[in-house]
Each structure stands twice: as C-alpha cells, then as structure tokens.
C-alpha cells in the first residue's frame, strides 16, 4: 500500500471514509498498468459493500489469480459467497485452496462451521482441531470447538479450551463463555456469578447477564433473589427469543 500510486491511495482513503461510490469511480479511472492484486482486492471489496456480489467476486478472483497468498482477498471472496447464499461454491473454493496448501487455518475453520451447521459434528470437530493445529487464534473457532467437545461429553477438554479466551474484560476474572459452561454443568457457580456480575457492570443494558445471574441464583437455591432477577430479565424487551425461551422455561419450574 505504501508503494501504491497517488490515485489508488486517494480512492483507498475515500473508501475508508464511507464514500464508496466516489472511491469506485476513482478506481475505475486507473490505467491498466496500475491495476495489481491490491487494486482488484479493494475494488472487489467496494463492490461487495455496494451490493454487487457478482462483480465483486470477479474482482476478488482476479486478485487471487495475481496473488494466491492474498489472505484478505480470499476471506472477502468467501464472505461474499456465503452472504449471497452460495454455500456450495464457497465450500468448493475453500477445499480447492486447502488442497493447494494455502490458508489451511482459515479454510479449516470455515469448513468446520459449515459442517456444524449441517449437523456433521464429527467432521466439524476434525476440521476445527486441524485449524487449531495450524495456529488459528479466532475466538469463534474456540467457541465452536468447545461446543463440539461438550456435545461429545469431553467436558474437561471443552473447559480447558474455553479458558483460553482469557478473562472478563478490564476487571479480570473469568470470561462469560466459560461461566456459561460452568452454569450448564452446575460447576464453579460462585465464579460464574462473579463473571456475570462483571459483564453486567460493563453492559448494564444487556438482559442476558441478568438472566444468567438469575439462573445461577436459582441453581444455588436463592429463590427470592433468583426470581426477582428472572422477572427483571423477562421484562426487558431486548432479551433475545432464545434467551427468553430459557427464562420462561425456568419460570415455569418455579
């Protein structure tokens, strides 16, 4: 990017100032000799943001033809395909790149997500594990792998994996994903409660944490506090449908 032409840099800056149409116009004016892999990546990404998935894919494929190792272009291509509902072509492209020994960490993570959505949990776990072996640092893959391990009853491995996500924000403590794991298995409830309290302090308008505190309180036998928190969570219109269903099922048991 530092070595790019002045015209490309102007378009790049406009694109990152949310002036996509103006940026696209500038890019389209660049002569052929200035159209390298970064040009096609940036123009493809612009077209995707402007709701032009077909032309976007064409540019992103051209960027990868010129530079197969351009990870940003490959990620953008896969995302455009998936957002366009073309999971089959996305999976085919991921497997082709994986077979060529490129972007293995990324490809395995995305293929694991697709396999999990189809209910192919063994395949998903194998792919996610390989992604980790390749050095994947993505929290999303940690959560997916932990859920797959938990599904198989490999609770110790799942707990260890969730602990990799680190503490609960600037105040430290345990992360909420680990706390939710503990809640599901009625383990370390005191630590789980502290994690949810910390999350509630950071996001006071998020009813998920109120619901979680209610669930811990009721699991510990603190019915008065638990029911009050549960009613508060259910009264919040921001509670998601899934979390509301959890809360209502718990309320019915009280």
Protein backbone atom coordinates (compact mmCIF):
# COMPACT_ATOMS: atom_id res chain seq x y z
CA UNK A 1 0.00 0.00 0.00
CA UNK A 2 2.88 2.41 0.72
CA UNK A 3 4.19 1.85 -2.79
CA UNK A 4 0.79 2.35 -4.47
CA UNK A 5 0.12 5.22 -6.84
CA UNK A 6 -1.40 8.52 -5.71
CA UNK A 7 -4.68 7.74 -7.49
CA UNK A 8 -5.04 4.41 -5.74
CA UNK A 9 -4.30 5.99 -2.37
CA UNK A 10 -6.95 8.67 -2.90
CA UNK A 11 -9.52 6.01 -3.74
CA UNK A 12 -8.42 3.90 -0.77
CA UNK A 13 -8.88 6.82 1.63
CA UNK A 14 -12.29 7.67 0.21
CA UNK A 15 -13.39 4.06 0.57
CA UNK A 16 -12.44 4.08 4.24
CA UNK A 17 -14.31 7.35 4.75
CA UNK A 18 -17.54 5.63 3.62
CA UNK A 19 -17.50 7.37 0.24
CA UNK A 20 -17.76 4.13 -1.70
CA UNK A 21 -19.24 5.42 -4.95
CA UNK A 22 -16.61 8.15 -5.26
CA UNK A 23 -13.86 5.65 -4.45
CA UNK A 24 -15.16 3.21 -7.05
CA UNK A 25 -15.21 5.96 -9.65
CA UNK A 26 -11.56 6.80 -8.96
CA UNK A 27 -10.52 3.15 -9.11
CA UNK A 28 -12.29 2.66 -12.43
CA UNK A 29 -10.24 5.54 -13.86
CA UNK A 30 -6.88 3.96 -13.03
CA UNK A 31 -4.93 2.71 -16.08
CA UNK A 32 -4.27 -1.00 -16.58
CA UNK A 33 -0.62 -0.72 -15.52
CA UNK A 34 -1.74 0.39 -12.05
CA UNK A 35 -4.18 -2.49 -11.57
CA UNK A 36 -2.38 -5.02 -9.38
CA UNK A 37 -3.64 -7.55 -6.83
CA UNK A 38 -4.40 -4.85 -4.26
CA UNK A 39 -6.39 -2.88 -6.81
CA UNK A 40 -8.65 -5.83 -7.57
CA UNK A 41 -8.99 -6.67 -3.88
CA UNK A 42 -10.01 -3.13 -2.92
CA UNK A 43 -12.36 -2.75 -5.89
CA UNK A 44 -13.91 -6.13 -5.20
CA UNK A 45 -14.44 -5.28 -1.54
CA UNK A 46 -16.01 -1.96 -2.57
CA UNK A 47 -18.39 -3.66 -4.98
CA UNK A 48 -19.39 -6.11 -2.25
CA UNK A 49 -20.21 -3.26 0.13
CA UNK A 50 -22.24 -1.62 -2.65
CA UNK A 51 -24.36 -4.75 -3.05
CA UNK A 52 -22.79 -6.04 -6.27
CA UNK A 53 -21.78 -9.61 -5.32
CA UNK A 54 -21.19 -10.94 -8.86
CA UNK A 55 -18.77 -8.19 -9.98
CA UNK A 56 -17.21 -8.27 -6.52
CA UNK A 57 -16.40 -11.99 -6.85
CA UNK A 58 -14.91 -11.41 -10.30
CA UNK A 59 -12.50 -8.79 -8.93
CA UNK A 60 -11.60 -10.83 -5.88
CA UNK A 61 -10.89 -13.89 -8.03
CA UNK A 62 -8.65 -11.72 -10.21
CA UNK A 63 -6.80 -10.50 -7.12
CA UNK A 64 -6.20 -14.12 -6.12
CA UNK A 65 -5.13 -15.10 -9.62
CA UNK A 66 -2.45 -12.44 -9.40
CA UNK A 67 -1.54 -13.22 -5.79
CA UNK A 68 -2.86 -16.56 -4.45
CA UNK A 69 -1.47 -15.78 -0.99
CA UNK A 70 -3.51 -12.59 -0.53
CA UNK A 71 -5.46 -13.74 2.52
CA UNK A 72 -7.66 -10.64 2.74
CA UNK A 73 -8.96 -11.17 -0.78
CA UNK A 74 -9.70 -14.83 -0.11
CA UNK A 75 -11.56 -14.01 3.10
CA UNK A 76 -13.57 -11.34 1.30
CA UNK A 77 -14.44 -13.77 -1.52
CA UNK A 78 -15.66 -16.46 0.88
CA UNK A 79 -17.73 -13.93 2.83
CA UNK A 80 -19.36 -12.57 -0.33
CA UNK A 81 -20.25 -16.08 -1.50
CA UNK A 82 -21.73 -17.01 1.88
CA UNK A 83 -23.66 -13.76 2.20
CA UNK A 84 -25.06 -14.38 -1.28
CA UNK A 85 -26.36 -17.79 -0.20
CA UNK A 86 -23.78 -19.64 -2.31
CA UNK A 87 -22.52 -22.05 0.35
CA UNK A 88 -21.78 -24.75 -2.24
CA UNK A 89 -19.42 -22.59 -4.33
CA UNK A 90 -17.86 -21.22 -1.12
CA UNK A 91 -17.17 -24.73 0.17
CA UNK A 92 -15.76 -25.80 -3.19
CA UNK A 93 -13.43 -22.79 -3.23
CA UNK A 94 -12.30 -23.44 0.34
CA UNK A 95 -11.48 -27.07 -0.44
CA UNK A 96 -9.60 -26.14 -3.62
CA UNK A 97 -7.41 -23.67 -1.75
CA UNK A 98 -6.90 -26.13 1.11
CA UNK A 99 -5.86 -28.85 -1.35
CA UNK A 100 -3.24 -26.45 -2.73
CA UNK A 101 -1.81 -25.99 0.76
CA UNK A 102 -2.85 -22.36 1.19
CA UNK A 103 -4.70 -20.67 4.06
CA UNK A 104 -5.18 -24.02 5.84
CA UNK A 105 -6.00 -22.43 9.18
CA UNK A 106 -8.71 -20.25 7.66
CA UNK A 107 -10.15 -22.90 5.32
CA UNK A 108 -10.50 -25.49 8.06
CA UNK A 109 -12.25 -23.02 10.35
CA UNK A 110 -14.83 -22.03 7.73
CA UNK A 111 -15.37 -25.64 6.61
CA UNK A 112 -15.85 -26.64 10.26
CA UNK A 113 -18.58 -24.00 10.63
CA UNK A 114 -20.34 -25.29 7.52
CA UNK A 115 -20.14 -28.91 8.67
CA UNK A 116 -21.52 -27.98 12.09
CA UNK A 117 -24.49 -26.16 10.50
CA UNK A 118 -25.27 -29.33 8.56
CA UNK A 119 -25.09 -31.44 11.72
CA UNK A 120 -21.88 -33.19 10.64
CA UNK A 121 -20.36 -32.81 14.08
CA UNK A 122 -17.52 -35.35 13.82
CA UNK A 123 -16.28 -33.76 10.60
CA UNK A 124 -16.66 -30.30 12.11
CA UNK A 125 -14.56 -31.25 15.14
CA UNK A 126 -11.82 -32.76 12.97
CA UNK A 127 -11.65 -29.61 10.85
CA UNK A 128 -11.72 -27.26 13.83
CA UNK A 129 -8.96 -29.24 15.54
CA UNK A 130 -6.84 -29.06 12.41
CA UNK A 131 -7.44 -25.33 12.26
CA UNK A 132 -6.06 -25.01 15.79
CA UNK A 133 -3.08 -27.16 14.87
CA UNK A 134 -2.41 -24.69 12.06
CA UNK A 135 -2.35 -21.84 14.59
CA UNK A 136 -5.90 -20.47 14.49
CA UNK A 137 -6.37 -17.65 17.07
CA UNK A 138 -10.05 -16.89 16.29
CA UNK A 139 -12.34 -16.83 19.35
CA UNK A 140 -15.21 -18.02 17.12
CA UNK A 141 -13.34 -21.23 16.38
CA UNK A 142 -12.57 -21.71 20.08
CA UNK A 143 -16.29 -21.45 20.86
CA UNK A 144 -17.28 -23.79 18.04
CA UNK A 145 -14.70 -26.41 19.03
CA UNK A 146 -15.61 -26.20 22.70
CA UNK A 147 -19.29 -26.70 21.87
CA UNK A 148 -18.45 -29.74 19.75
CA UNK A 149 -16.30 -31.21 22.52
CA UNK A 150 -19.05 -30.53 25.05
CA UNK A 151 -21.53 -32.27 22.77
CA UNK A 152 -19.32 -35.37 22.84
CA UNK A 153 -19.08 -35.27 26.63
CA UNK A 154 -15.42 -34.28 26.60
CA UNK A 155 -16.07 -31.67 29.24
CA UNK A 156 -12.53 -31.30 30.56
CA UNK A 157 -11.20 -30.51 27.10
CA UNK A 158 -14.03 -28.09 26.42
CA UNK A 159 -13.43 -26.27 29.71
CA UNK A 160 -9.70 -26.00 29.04
CA UNK A 161 -10.37 -24.61 25.60
CA UNK A 162 -12.83 -22.00 26.87
CA UNK A 163 -10.32 -20.85 29.45
CA UNK A 164 -8.07 -19.82 26.53
CA UNK A 165 -10.42 -16.93 25.83
CA UNK A 166 -8.97 -15.05 28.77
CA UNK A 167 -10.58 -13.01 31.50
CA UNK A 168 -13.70 -10.92 31.71
CA UNK A 169 -12.66 -7.53 30.39
CA UNK A 170 -10.60 -4.88 32.10
CA UNK A 171 -11.60 -6.05 35.56
CA UNK A 172 -10.13 -9.50 35.00
CA UNK A 173 -11.94 -12.62 36.18
CA UNK A 174 -13.32 -15.42 34.07
CA UNK A 175 -14.89 -14.94 30.64
CA UNK A 176 -18.64 -15.29 30.26
CA UNK A 177 -18.41 -18.22 27.85
CA UNK A 178 -16.56 -20.26 30.46
CA UNK A 179 -19.06 -19.04 33.07
CA UNK A 180 -21.96 -20.21 30.91
CA UNK A 181 -20.27 -23.60 30.58
CA UNK A 182 -20.00 -23.81 34.37
CA UNK A 183 -23.66 -22.84 34.71
CA UNK A 184 -24.77 -25.56 32.30
CA UNK A 185 -22.87 -28.16 34.32
CA UNK A 186 -23.53 -26.73 37.79
CA UNK A 187 -19.84 -26.27 38.44
CA UNK A 188 -17.94 -23.29 39.91
CA UNK A 189 -21.20 -21.38 40.32
CA UNK A 190 -19.61 -18.78 42.57
CA UNK A 191 -17.05 -17.92 39.89
CA UNK A 192 -19.74 -17.98 37.21
CA UNK A 193 -21.84 -15.49 39.17
CA UNK A 194 -18.90 -13.12 39.54
CA UNK A 195 -18.26 -13.31 35.79
CA UNK A 196 -21.89 -12.45 35.01
CA UNK A 197 -21.85 -9.59 37.53
CA UNK A 198 -18.73 -8.24 35.83
CA UNK A 199 -20.39 -8.49 32.42
CA UNK A 200 -23.47 -6.69 33.77
CA UNK A 201 -21.32 -3.85 35.05
CA UNK A 202 -19.77 -3.46 31.60
CA UNK A 203 -23.09 -3.85 29.76
CA UNK A 204 -25.80 -2.70 32.19
CA UNK A 205 -28.46 -2.67 29.45
CA UNK A 206 -27.81 -6.27 28.36
CA UNK A 207 -30.56 -8.55 29.83
CA UNK A 208 -28.60 -11.71 29.05
CA UNK A 209 -26.46 -11.15 32.13
CA UNK A 210 -29.49 -10.58 34.34
CA UNK A 211 -30.89 -13.88 33.10
CA UNK A 212 -27.61 -15.65 33.79
CA UNK A 213 -27.42 -14.23 37.31
CA UNK A 214 -30.99 -15.41 37.87
CA UNK A 215 -30.11 -18.90 36.69
CA UNK A 216 -27.08 -19.11 38.98
CA UNK A 217 -29.07 -17.79 41.94
CA UNK A 218 -31.83 -20.36 41.44
CA UNK A 219 -29.29 -23.15 40.94
CA UNK A 220 -27.78 -22.17 44.29
CA UNK A 221 -31.21 -22.23 45.96
CA UNK A 222 -31.53 -18.45 46.36
CA UNK A 223 -35.14 -18.39 45.20
CA UNK A 224 -36.08 -14.85 46.24
CA UNK A 225 -33.12 -13.18 44.53
CA UNK A 226 -33.29 -15.58 41.59
CA UNK A 227 -36.96 -15.00 40.88
CA UNK A 228 -36.57 -11.23 41.13
CA UNK A 229 -33.71 -11.29 38.62
CA UNK A 230 -35.62 -13.65 36.36
CA UNK A 231 -38.67 -11.40 36.28
CA UNK A 232 -36.44 -8.41 35.55
CA UNK A 233 -34.77 -10.21 32.64
CA UNK A 234 -38.08 -11.34 31.13
CA UNK A 235 -39.49 -7.81 31.40
CA UNK A 236 -36.68 -6.45 29.23
CA UNK A 237 -37.75 -6.20 25.54
CA UNK A 238 -34.11 -6.53 24.46
CA UNK A 239 -33.93 -10.15 25.62
CA UNK A 240 -33.44 -12.37 22.56
CA UNK A 241 -36.00 -15.02 21.65
CA UNK A 242 -33.64 -17.86 22.58
CA UNK A 243 -32.81 -16.36 25.97
CA UNK A 244 -36.47 -15.53 26.58
CA UNK A 245 -37.38 -19.17 25.96
CA UNK A 246 -34.74 -20.20 28.50
CA UNK A 247 -36.12 -17.78 31.06
CA UNK A 248 -39.75 -18.75 30.52
CA UNK A 249 -38.90 -22.46 30.82
CA UNK A 250 -37.13 -21.75 34.10
CA UNK A 251 -40.03 -19.61 35.36
CA UNK A 252 -42.45 -22.44 34.67
CA UNK A 253 -40.47 -24.69 37.02
CA UNK A 254 -40.63 -22.27 39.94
